[in-house]
Amino acid sequence: MNKNLHAYVPLAAALTVIALDYLALWCLDGGAACASSGLRQFYEAALDPAYAFALSALIPCLIVPFVPKTALKAWLLFSCIWLLGTILLIATASAHPQTGGALHLYAETKIIDARVMGEMFAVISILLLAARSWAARPV
């Protein structure tokens, strides 16, 4: 088991995004004070797609603390690049299919784009972690 604290940061980030989504839903359903603020726009534009991505990325984040350091370094590099690309894709996508967006790679809404990118991230991450862990095993 990897005893480095930074191996647990992706798991903590994914769980934080999931918790923030539930907190925002609770607030939006609870009263007019949250609904009248800019929270609904922030929720639809950023938090809901981040939740869809974090839910898919949770499985690789659970695996990361148990891989060798070489696999962890390779995965962190991959995840940083993938996350930046996903943020750019989601930022240019439309929240509603009727309005159209600048870029639609896989779907018509931000949530579906985030979910698809998260699922692809999870599959590629698991394959990368398995390959790097297999290469790092003692012979």
N, C-alpha and C. Protein backbone atom coordinates (compact mmCIF):
# COMPACT_ATOMS: atom_id res chain seq x y z
N MET A 1 0.84 -1.18 0.00
CA MET A 1 0.00 0.00 0.00
C MET A 1 0.88 1.24 0.00
N ASN A 2 0.49 2.20 -0.80
CA ASN A 2 1.23 3.44 -0.89
C ASN A 2 0.88 4.32 0.31
N LYS A 3 1.87 4.71 1.08
CA LYS A 3 1.63 5.48 2.30
C LYS A 3 1.71 6.99 2.08
N ASN A 4 1.88 7.42 0.86
CA ASN A 4 1.95 8.84 0.57
C ASN A 4 0.57 9.47 0.64
N LEU A 5 0.51 10.63 1.25
CA LEU A 5 -0.76 11.32 1.43
C LEU A 5 -1.34 11.78 0.10
N HIS A 6 -0.50 12.16 -0.86
CA HIS A 6 -1.01 12.67 -2.13
C HIS A 6 -1.72 11.61 -2.96
N ALA A 7 -1.62 10.35 -2.59
CA ALA A 7 -2.35 9.31 -3.30
C ALA A 7 -3.84 9.34 -2.94
N TYR A 8 -4.17 9.97 -1.81
CA TYR A 8 -5.56 10.05 -1.37
C TYR A 8 -6.25 11.33 -1.80
N VAL A 9 -5.53 12.26 -2.37
CA VAL A 9 -6.10 13.54 -2.78
C VAL A 9 -7.17 13.37 -3.87
N PRO A 10 -6.95 12.56 -4.92
CA PRO A 10 -8.03 12.40 -5.91
C PRO A 10 -9.31 11.82 -5.31
N LEU A 11 -9.18 10.89 -4.39
CA LEU A 11 -10.36 10.32 -3.73
C LEU A 11 -11.07 11.38 -2.91
N ALA A 12 -10.32 12.18 -2.17
CA ALA A 12 -10.92 13.25 -1.38
C ALA A 12 -11.60 14.28 -2.27
N ALA A 13 -11.00 14.60 -3.41
CA ALA A 13 -11.60 15.57 -4.33
C ALA A 13 -12.91 15.03 -4.92
N ALA A 14 -12.91 13.77 -5.33
CA ALA A 14 -14.13 13.17 -5.89
C ALA A 14 -15.25 13.13 -4.85
N LEU A 15 -14.92 12.74 -3.64
CA LEU A 15 -15.93 12.68 -2.58
C LEU A 15 -16.43 14.08 -2.21
N THR A 16 -15.56 15.08 -2.28
CA THR A 16 -15.97 16.45 -1.99
C THR A 16 -16.95 16.97 -3.03
N VAL A 17 -16.68 16.70 -4.30
CA VAL A 17 -17.59 17.14 -5.36
C VAL A 17 -18.95 16.45 -5.22
N ILE A 18 -18.94 15.16 -4.89
CA ILE A 18 -20.20 14.44 -4.70
C ILE A 18 -20.98 15.03 -3.52
N ALA A 19 -20.29 15.32 -2.43
CA ALA A 19 -20.95 15.89 -1.27
C ALA A 19 -21.48 17.30 -1.56
N LEU A 20 -20.72 18.11 -2.30
CA LEU A 20 -21.18 19.45 -2.65
C LEU A 20 -22.42 19.41 -3.52
N ASP A 21 -22.50 18.43 -4.41
CA ASP A 21 -23.68 18.29 -5.25
C ASP A 21 -24.91 18.00 -4.40
N TYR A 22 -24.78 17.08 -3.46
CA TYR A 22 -25.92 16.77 -2.59
C TYR A 22 -26.28 17.95 -1.70
N LEU A 23 -25.30 18.68 -1.24
CA LEU A 23 -25.55 19.87 -0.42
C LEU A 23 -26.28 20.94 -1.24
N ALA A 24 -25.86 21.15 -2.48
CA ALA A 24 -26.52 22.15 -3.33
C ALA A 24 -27.95 21.73 -3.65
N LEU A 25 -28.17 20.44 -3.90
CA LEU A 25 -29.53 19.97 -4.15
C LEU A 25 -30.41 20.18 -2.92
N TRP A 26 -29.88 19.90 -1.77
CA TRP A 26 -30.63 20.10 -0.53
C TRP A 26 -30.99 21.57 -0.36
N CYS A 27 -30.06 22.43 -0.65
CA CYS A 27 -30.30 23.86 -0.51
C CYS A 27 -31.31 24.35 -1.54
N LEU A 28 -31.18 23.91 -2.79
CA LEU A 28 -32.09 24.36 -3.84
C LEU A 28 -33.51 23.86 -3.63
N ASP A 29 -33.65 22.67 -3.08
CA ASP A 29 -34.98 22.13 -2.82
C ASP A 29 -35.58 22.68 -1.54
N GLY A 30 -34.74 23.26 -0.69
CA GLY A 30 -35.19 23.67 0.63
C GLY A 30 -35.81 25.03 0.73
N GLY A 31 -35.45 25.97 -0.07
CA GLY A 31 -36.01 27.29 0.16
C GLY A 31 -35.72 28.27 -0.95
N ALA A 32 -36.38 29.39 -0.83
CA ALA A 32 -36.25 30.42 -1.86
C ALA A 32 -34.94 31.19 -1.75
N ALA A 33 -34.30 31.17 -0.59
CA ALA A 33 -33.05 31.91 -0.42
C ALA A 33 -31.96 31.35 -1.32
N CYS A 34 -31.87 30.05 -1.41
CA CYS A 34 -30.86 29.44 -2.29
C CYS A 34 -31.28 29.51 -3.74
N ALA A 35 -32.57 29.33 -3.98
CA ALA A 35 -33.05 29.32 -5.36
C ALA A 35 -32.95 30.70 -6.00
N SER A 36 -33.08 31.74 -5.22
CA SER A 36 -33.02 33.08 -5.79
C SER A 36 -31.59 33.56 -6.00
N SER A 37 -30.65 32.93 -5.34
CA SER A 37 -29.25 33.33 -5.51
C SER A 37 -28.71 32.74 -6.82
N GLY A 38 -27.46 32.94 -7.05
CA GLY A 38 -26.85 32.40 -8.26
C GLY A 38 -26.47 30.93 -8.14
N LEU A 39 -26.92 30.28 -7.07
CA LEU A 39 -26.56 28.88 -6.87
C LEU A 39 -27.14 27.98 -7.95
N ARG A 40 -28.36 28.26 -8.40
CA ARG A 40 -28.96 27.40 -9.43
C ARG A 40 -28.15 27.46 -10.73
N GLN A 41 -27.71 28.65 -11.12
CA GLN A 41 -26.90 28.77 -12.34
C GLN A 41 -25.56 28.07 -12.16
N PHE A 42 -24.95 28.23 -10.99
CA PHE A 42 -23.68 27.56 -10.71
C PHE A 42 -23.87 26.05 -10.70
N TYR A 43 -24.97 25.60 -10.14
CA TYR A 43 -25.26 24.17 -10.08
C TYR A 43 -25.40 23.59 -11.48
N GLU A 44 -26.18 24.24 -12.34
CA GLU A 44 -26.40 23.72 -13.68
C GLU A 44 -25.15 23.84 -14.55
N ALA A 45 -24.38 24.89 -14.37
CA ALA A 45 -23.23 25.12 -15.24
C ALA A 45 -21.99 24.33 -14.82
N ALA A 46 -21.78 24.16 -13.53
CA ALA A 46 -20.51 23.58 -13.08
C ALA A 46 -20.67 22.37 -12.18
N LEU A 47 -21.53 22.46 -11.20
CA LEU A 47 -21.56 21.42 -10.17
C LEU A 47 -22.19 20.13 -10.65
N ASP A 48 -23.25 20.22 -11.43
CA ASP A 48 -23.89 19.00 -11.94
C ASP A 48 -22.98 18.23 -12.90
N PRO A 49 -22.30 18.89 -13.86
CA PRO A 49 -21.34 18.14 -14.69
C PRO A 49 -20.16 17.60 -13.89
N ALA A 50 -19.70 18.36 -12.90
CA ALA A 50 -18.59 17.87 -12.07
C ALA A 50 -19.01 16.63 -11.28
N TYR A 51 -20.25 16.60 -10.83
CA TYR A 51 -20.78 15.44 -10.12
C TYR A 51 -20.81 14.22 -11.04
N ALA A 52 -21.27 14.41 -12.27
CA ALA A 52 -21.33 13.30 -13.23
C ALA A 52 -19.93 12.75 -13.50
N PHE A 53 -18.95 13.62 -13.61
CA PHE A 53 -17.57 13.17 -13.84
C PHE A 53 -17.01 12.50 -12.59
N ALA A 54 -17.24 13.08 -11.43
CA ALA A 54 -16.68 12.54 -10.18
C ALA A 54 -17.25 11.17 -9.85
N LEU A 55 -18.52 10.96 -10.17
CA LEU A 55 -19.13 9.67 -9.91
C LEU A 55 -18.44 8.56 -10.72
N SER A 56 -18.11 8.87 -11.97
CA SER A 56 -17.41 7.89 -12.81
C SER A 56 -15.95 7.73 -12.39
N ALA A 57 -15.34 8.81 -11.95
CA ALA A 57 -13.92 8.77 -11.58
C ALA A 57 -13.69 8.21 -10.18
N LEU A 58 -14.74 7.90 -9.48
CA LEU A 58 -14.60 7.42 -8.10
C LEU A 58 -13.90 6.06 -8.04
N ILE A 59 -14.16 5.18 -8.97
CA ILE A 59 -13.56 3.85 -8.95
C ILE A 59 -12.04 3.91 -9.11
N PRO A 60 -11.51 4.62 -10.12
CA PRO A 60 -10.04 4.72 -10.19
C PRO A 60 -9.44 5.42 -8.97
N CYS A 61 -10.17 6.38 -8.42
CA CYS A 61 -9.66 7.10 -7.24
C CYS A 61 -9.59 6.19 -6.02
N LEU A 62 -10.44 5.18 -5.97
CA LEU A 62 -10.37 4.20 -4.89
C LEU A 62 -9.19 3.24 -5.06
N ILE A 63 -8.77 3.03 -6.30
CA ILE A 63 -7.67 2.10 -6.60
C ILE A 63 -6.31 2.76 -6.40
N VAL A 64 -6.22 4.05 -6.67
CA VAL A 64 -4.94 4.79 -6.70
C VAL A 64 -4.10 4.63 -5.43
N PRO A 65 -4.66 4.67 -4.23
CA PRO A 65 -3.79 4.56 -3.04
C PRO A 65 -3.08 3.21 -2.91
N PHE A 66 -3.49 2.21 -3.66
CA PHE A 66 -2.92 0.88 -3.52
C PHE A 66 -1.98 0.48 -4.65
N VAL A 67 -1.64 1.41 -5.53
CA VAL A 67 -0.75 1.09 -6.65
C VAL A 67 0.67 1.55 -6.33
N PRO A 68 1.67 1.01 -7.02
CA PRO A 68 3.06 1.46 -6.81
C PRO A 68 3.24 2.93 -7.21
N LYS A 69 4.33 3.49 -6.72
CA LYS A 69 4.59 4.91 -6.94
C LYS A 69 4.76 5.25 -8.43
N THR A 70 5.35 4.36 -9.22
CA THR A 70 5.51 4.64 -10.65
C THR A 70 4.16 4.70 -11.36
N ALA A 71 3.25 3.82 -10.98
CA ALA A 71 1.91 3.84 -11.56
C ALA A 71 1.16 5.09 -11.12
N LEU A 72 1.37 5.50 -9.88
CA LEU A 72 0.72 6.70 -9.36
C LEU A 72 1.18 7.94 -10.12
N LYS A 73 2.47 8.05 -10.36
CA LYS A 73 3.00 9.21 -11.09
C LYS A 73 2.45 9.27 -12.51
N ALA A 74 2.41 8.12 -13.19
CA ALA A 74 1.87 8.09 -14.55
C ALA A 74 0.38 8.44 -14.56
N TRP A 75 -0.35 7.94 -13.58
CA TRP A 75 -1.78 8.22 -13.52
C TRP A 75 -2.05 9.68 -13.21
N LEU A 76 -1.28 10.28 -12.32
CA LEU A 76 -1.47 11.70 -11.99
C LEU A 76 -1.23 12.59 -13.21
N LEU A 77 -0.22 12.27 -14.00
CA LEU A 77 0.03 13.03 -15.23
C LEU A 77 -1.14 12.87 -16.20
N PHE A 78 -1.57 11.63 -16.40
CA PHE A 78 -2.70 11.37 -17.28
C PHE A 78 -3.96 12.08 -16.80
N SER A 79 -4.23 12.00 -15.50
CA SER A 79 -5.47 12.59 -14.99
C SER A 79 -5.46 14.11 -15.08
N CYS A 80 -4.31 14.73 -14.90
CA CYS A 80 -4.24 16.20 -15.04
C CYS A 80 -4.54 16.62 -16.48
N ILE A 81 -3.96 15.93 -17.43
CA ILE A 81 -4.20 16.25 -18.85
C ILE A 81 -5.66 15.98 -19.21
N TRP A 82 -6.19 14.84 -18.78
CA TRP A 82 -7.58 14.47 -19.10
C TRP A 82 -8.56 15.46 -18.45
N LEU A 83 -8.29 15.84 -17.23
CA LEU A 83 -9.19 16.76 -16.53
C LEU A 83 -9.21 18.13 -17.19
N LEU A 84 -8.06 18.62 -17.63
CA LEU A 84 -8.03 19.91 -18.35
C LEU A 84 -8.82 19.84 -19.65
N GLY A 85 -8.66 18.75 -20.38
CA GLY A 85 -9.43 18.57 -21.61
C GLY A 85 -10.93 18.49 -21.34
N THR A 86 -11.30 17.81 -20.28
CA THR A 86 -12.71 17.69 -19.92
C THR A 86 -13.29 19.04 -19.52
N ILE A 87 -12.52 19.82 -18.77
CA ILE A 87 -13.00 21.14 -18.37
C ILE A 87 -13.22 22.02 -19.60
N LEU A 88 -12.31 21.96 -20.57
CA LEU A 88 -12.49 22.74 -21.80
C LEU A 88 -13.71 22.28 -22.58
N LEU A 89 -13.92 20.98 -22.65
CA LEU A 89 -15.08 20.44 -23.37
C LEU A 89 -16.37 20.87 -22.69
N ILE A 90 -16.43 20.75 -21.38
CA ILE A 90 -17.65 21.10 -20.65
C ILE A 90 -17.89 22.60 -20.70
N ALA A 91 -16.84 23.40 -20.64
CA ALA A 91 -17.01 24.85 -20.68
C ALA A 91 -17.56 25.33 -22.01
N THR A 92 -17.25 24.63 -23.08
CA THR A 92 -17.73 25.05 -24.40
C THR A 92 -19.04 24.37 -24.79
N ALA A 93 -19.48 23.38 -24.02
CA ALA A 93 -20.73 22.69 -24.34
C ALA A 93 -21.90 23.50 -23.82
N SER A 94 -23.06 23.20 -24.32
CA SER A 94 -24.27 23.90 -23.92
C SER A 94 -24.94 23.20 -22.76
N ALA A 95 -25.59 23.95 -21.90
CA ALA A 95 -26.35 23.35 -20.79
C ALA A 95 -27.68 22.80 -21.29
N HIS A 96 -28.18 23.35 -22.37
CA HIS A 96 -29.46 22.91 -22.92
C HIS A 96 -29.28 22.62 -24.41
N PRO A 97 -29.83 21.52 -24.90
CA PRO A 97 -29.61 21.16 -26.31
C PRO A 97 -30.22 22.15 -27.30
N GLN A 98 -31.22 22.92 -26.90
CA GLN A 98 -31.86 23.83 -27.84
C GLN A 98 -30.97 25.02 -28.19
N THR A 99 -30.12 25.43 -27.26
CA THR A 99 -29.32 26.64 -27.50
C THR A 99 -28.08 26.37 -28.33
N GLY A 100 -27.62 25.14 -28.37
CA GLY A 100 -26.42 24.83 -29.12
C GLY A 100 -25.19 25.30 -28.39
N GLY A 101 -24.08 24.67 -28.65
CA GLY A 101 -22.84 25.04 -27.99
C GLY A 101 -21.72 25.16 -29.00
N ALA A 102 -20.59 25.58 -28.54
CA ALA A 102 -19.46 25.75 -29.43
C ALA A 102 -18.88 24.40 -29.85
N LEU A 103 -18.94 23.41 -28.98
CA LEU A 103 -18.31 22.13 -29.26
C LEU A 103 -19.11 21.02 -28.60
N HIS A 104 -19.52 20.07 -29.39
CA HIS A 104 -20.19 18.88 -28.87
C HIS A 104 -19.43 17.67 -29.38
N LEU A 105 -18.68 17.06 -28.48
CA LEU A 105 -17.88 15.92 -28.89
C LEU A 105 -18.70 14.65 -28.89
N TYR A 106 -19.45 14.40 -27.83
CA TYR A 106 -20.16 13.14 -27.71
C TYR A 106 -21.65 13.30 -27.53
N ALA A 107 -22.11 14.40 -27.02
CA ALA A 107 -23.53 14.53 -26.73
C ALA A 107 -23.95 15.98 -26.83
N GLU A 108 -25.17 16.23 -26.41
CA GLU A 108 -25.70 17.57 -26.58
C GLU A 108 -25.77 18.38 -25.31
N THR A 109 -25.52 17.81 -24.17
CA THR A 109 -25.58 18.58 -22.94
C THR A 109 -24.31 18.40 -22.13
N LYS A 110 -24.10 19.32 -21.21
CA LYS A 110 -22.91 19.27 -20.37
C LYS A 110 -22.87 18.02 -19.51
N ILE A 111 -24.01 17.63 -18.98
CA ILE A 111 -24.04 16.48 -18.07
C ILE A 111 -23.68 15.20 -18.80
N ILE A 112 -24.23 15.02 -19.99
CA ILE A 112 -23.93 13.81 -20.75
C ILE A 112 -22.47 13.82 -21.20
N ASP A 113 -21.97 14.97 -21.63
CA ASP A 113 -20.56 15.08 -21.98
C ASP A 113 -19.67 14.73 -20.79
N ALA A 114 -20.00 15.24 -19.62
CA ALA A 114 -19.20 14.96 -18.43
C ALA A 114 -19.27 13.49 -18.06
N ARG A 115 -20.44 12.88 -18.18
CA ARG A 115 -20.58 11.47 -17.84
C ARG A 115 -19.77 10.60 -18.80
N VAL A 116 -19.85 10.90 -20.09
CA VAL A 116 -19.10 10.11 -21.07
C VAL A 116 -17.60 10.28 -20.87
N MET A 117 -17.16 11.52 -20.64
CA MET A 117 -15.73 11.75 -20.40
C MET A 117 -15.28 11.08 -19.11
N GLY A 118 -16.14 11.07 -18.09
CA GLY A 118 -15.81 10.39 -16.84
C GLY A 118 -15.72 8.88 -17.00
N GLU A 119 -16.63 8.31 -17.78
CA GLU A 119 -16.58 6.86 -18.02
C GLU A 119 -15.35 6.48 -18.82
N MET A 120 -15.01 7.29 -19.83
CA MET A 120 -13.79 7.02 -20.59
C MET A 120 -12.56 7.18 -19.70
N PHE A 121 -12.57 8.18 -18.83
CA PHE A 121 -11.48 8.39 -17.89
C PHE A 121 -11.32 7.18 -16.97
N ALA A 122 -12.42 6.64 -16.49
CA ALA A 122 -12.37 5.49 -15.59
C ALA A 122 -11.78 4.27 -16.28
N VAL A 123 -12.22 3.99 -17.49
CA VAL A 123 -11.72 2.82 -18.22
C VAL A 123 -10.24 2.96 -18.53
N ILE A 124 -9.85 4.12 -19.06
CA ILE A 124 -8.44 4.34 -19.40
C ILE A 124 -7.58 4.33 -18.15
N SER A 125 -8.08 4.89 -17.06
CA SER A 125 -7.33 4.92 -15.80
C SER A 125 -7.08 3.52 -15.28
N ILE A 126 -8.11 2.70 -15.29
CA ILE A 126 -7.95 1.33 -14.79
C ILE A 126 -6.96 0.56 -15.65
N LEU A 127 -7.04 0.74 -16.97
CA LEU A 127 -6.08 0.07 -17.85
C LEU A 127 -4.66 0.58 -17.61
N LEU A 128 -4.50 1.89 -17.45
CA LEU A 128 -3.19 2.48 -17.20
C LEU A 128 -2.62 2.02 -15.86
N LEU A 129 -3.44 2.02 -14.83
CA LEU A 129 -2.98 1.58 -13.51
C LEU A 129 -2.61 0.11 -13.52
N ALA A 130 -3.39 -0.70 -14.21
CA ALA A 130 -3.08 -2.12 -14.29
C ALA A 130 -1.78 -2.37 -15.05
N ALA A 131 -1.60 -1.67 -16.17
CA ALA A 131 -0.39 -1.86 -16.97
C ALA A 131 0.85 -1.39 -16.21
N ARG A 132 0.77 -0.22 -15.59
CA ARG A 132 1.93 0.28 -14.84
C ARG A 132 2.21 -0.54 -13.59
N SER A 133 1.18 -1.04 -12.94
CA SER A 133 1.40 -1.89 -11.77
C SER A 133 2.00 -3.22 -12.17
N TRP A 134 1.56 -3.75 -13.29
CA TRP A 134 2.11 -5.01 -13.80
C TRP A 134 3.58 -4.84 -14.18
N ALA A 135 3.92 -3.70 -14.79
CA ALA A 135 5.31 -3.44 -15.18
C ALA A 135 6.20 -3.21 -13.96
N ALA A 136 5.64 -2.71 -12.87
CA ALA A 136 6.43 -2.39 -11.69
C ALA A 136 6.57 -3.56 -10.72
N ARG A 137 5.90 -4.66 -11.01
CA ARG A 137 5.97 -5.81 -10.08
C ARG A 137 7.35 -6.42 -10.09
N PRO A 138 7.76 -6.98 -8.96
CA PRO A 138 9.07 -7.63 -8.93
C PRO A 138 9.03 -8.94 -9.72
N VAL A 139 10.11 -9.21 -10.40
CA VAL A 139 10.16 -10.41 -11.26
C VAL A 139 10.58 -11.62 -10.49
